[in-house]
Protein backbone atom coordinates (compact mmCIF):
# COMPACT_ATOMS: atom_id res chain seq x y z
CA MET A 1 91.08 61.87 65.36
CA SER A 2 91.98 65.20 63.83
CA ASN A 3 88.66 66.71 65.01
CA SER A 4 89.37 65.75 68.62
CA VAL A 5 92.93 67.10 68.34
CA ASN A 6 91.62 70.36 66.87
CA GLY A 7 88.97 70.57 69.59
CA PHE A 8 91.58 69.99 72.28
CA SER A 9 93.86 72.57 70.69
CA ARG A 10 91.04 75.13 70.61
CA ARG A 11 90.17 74.46 74.27
CA GLU A 12 93.84 74.78 75.20
CA GLN A 13 94.13 78.09 73.33
CA ALA A 14 90.94 79.37 74.98
CA PHE A 15 92.28 78.40 78.41
CA GLU A 16 95.60 80.14 77.73
CA ALA A 17 93.81 83.27 76.48
CA LYS A 18 91.61 83.36 79.60
CA TYR A 19 94.64 82.87 81.84
CA LEU A 20 96.49 85.74 80.15
CA HIS A 21 93.42 87.97 80.38
CA ASP A 22 93.00 87.17 84.08
CA GLU A 23 96.68 87.84 84.79
CA GLU A 24 96.55 91.18 82.96
CA LEU A 25 93.37 92.13 84.81
CA HIS A 26 94.93 91.21 88.16
CA PHE A 27 98.04 93.27 87.37
CA ARG A 28 95.97 96.30 86.32
CA ILE A 29 93.95 96.09 89.53
CA LYS A 30 97.14 95.92 91.62
CA VAL A 31 98.62 98.96 89.89
CA ARG A 32 95.38 100.91 90.35
CA ARG A 33 95.19 99.80 93.99
CA ASN A 34 98.74 101.01 94.54
CA HIS A 35 97.86 104.34 92.94
CA LEU A 36 94.92 104.83 95.29
CA PHE A 37 96.92 103.64 98.31
CA GLY A 38 99.81 105.93 97.36
CA LEU A 39 97.47 108.93 97.15
CA TRP A 40 96.08 108.12 100.58
CA ALA A 41 99.57 107.73 102.06
CA ALA A 42 100.86 110.91 100.40
CA HIS A 43 97.95 112.83 101.92
CA LEU A 44 98.76 111.52 105.41
CA LEU A 45 102.44 112.31 104.85
CA GLU A 46 101.30 115.85 103.98
CA TYR A 47 102.98 115.79 100.58
CA SER A 48 101.90 118.28 97.96
CA GLY A 49 102.47 119.09 94.30
CA ASP A 50 105.14 117.11 92.49
CA LYS A 51 106.04 115.24 95.67
CA VAL A 52 102.62 113.56 95.64
CA GLU A 53 103.01 112.54 92.01
CA HIS A 54 106.52 111.20 92.57
CA TYR A 55 105.48 109.27 95.68
CA VAL A 56 102.46 107.71 93.97
CA GLU A 57 104.62 106.66 91.01
CA GLU A 58 107.12 105.12 93.42
CA ILE A 59 104.36 103.12 95.12
CA MET A 60 102.92 102.01 91.77
CA MET A 61 106.32 100.84 90.54
CA ILE A 62 106.81 98.52 93.51
CA GLU A 63 104.47 96.02 91.88
CA THR A 64 106.59 95.81 88.75
CA GLN A 65 109.92 95.60 90.60
CA LYS A 66 109.25 93.26 93.48
CA SER A 67 107.40 90.01 93.79
CA HIS A 68 106.24 89.97 97.41
CA HIS A 69 102.67 91.20 97.87
CA GLU A 70 103.48 92.86 101.20
CA ASP A 71 106.13 95.24 99.79
CA VAL A 72 103.71 98.09 99.14
CA LEU A 73 102.31 97.91 102.65
CA HIS A 74 105.73 97.70 104.28
CA LYS A 75 107.12 100.64 102.31
CA VAL A 76 104.21 102.88 103.27
CA LEU A 77 104.42 101.80 106.92
CA MET A 78 108.16 102.57 106.98
CA ASP A 79 107.49 105.98 105.42
CA PHE A 80 104.82 106.67 108.04
CA GLN A 81 107.20 105.64 110.81
CA ALA A 82 110.00 107.86 109.44
CA ALA A 83 107.59 110.82 109.22
CA LYS A 84 106.11 110.07 112.67
CA VAL A 85 102.63 109.45 111.24
CA GLU A 86 100.61 107.36 113.69
CA MET A 87 99.35 104.33 111.79
CA SER A 88 98.77 100.74 112.85
CA GLU A 89 99.59 97.94 110.45
CA HIS A 90 96.01 96.71 110.86
CA ARG A 91 94.54 100.05 109.76
CA ALA A 92 96.93 100.35 106.81
CA ARG A 93 96.18 96.77 105.77
CA LYS A 94 92.43 97.52 105.88
CA LYS A 95 92.97 100.62 103.73
CA LEU A 96 95.01 98.61 101.23
CA ALA A 97 92.19 96.04 101.04
CA LYS A 98 89.63 98.83 100.53
CA CYS A 99 91.81 100.29 97.77
CA TRP A 100 91.78 96.82 96.13
CA GLU A 101 87.97 96.76 96.21
CA ILE A 102 87.74 100.24 94.69
CA ALA A 103 90.41 99.47 92.08
CA GLN A 104 88.67 96.26 91.10
CA LYS A 105 85.38 98.09 90.55
CA MET A 106 87.14 100.83 88.59
CA ILE A 107 88.99 98.40 86.31
CA ILE A 108 85.96 96.20 85.75
CA ASN A 109 83.87 99.29 84.96
CA ASP A 110 86.77 100.60 82.84
CA GLU A 111 87.02 103.88 84.72
CA GLU A 112 89.99 106.18 84.62
CA PHE A 113 92.00 107.35 87.61
């Protein structure tokens, strides 16, 4: 019986390790996606210098502070609206999805920003 208990324990530990790895990977992709999306938004907002860096950091931090997956999109759309930047939600959502694809490739290939 102890072999089956040990085998079960090893499988359980392997499952937990995979789950933690997947969660970390997902988080890293989201942060990278937010970085890319923030750079795109800052460009359209015509930010430059330190303002770009600050804005991108603000966008990246949303993921660690809030739980709703739409918060990044809504913040950028509100910033666009306040700055009178013409942007549809559909187009911004497509850009966010594209940033996810790029971020995923970058993280999986272990590329830097």
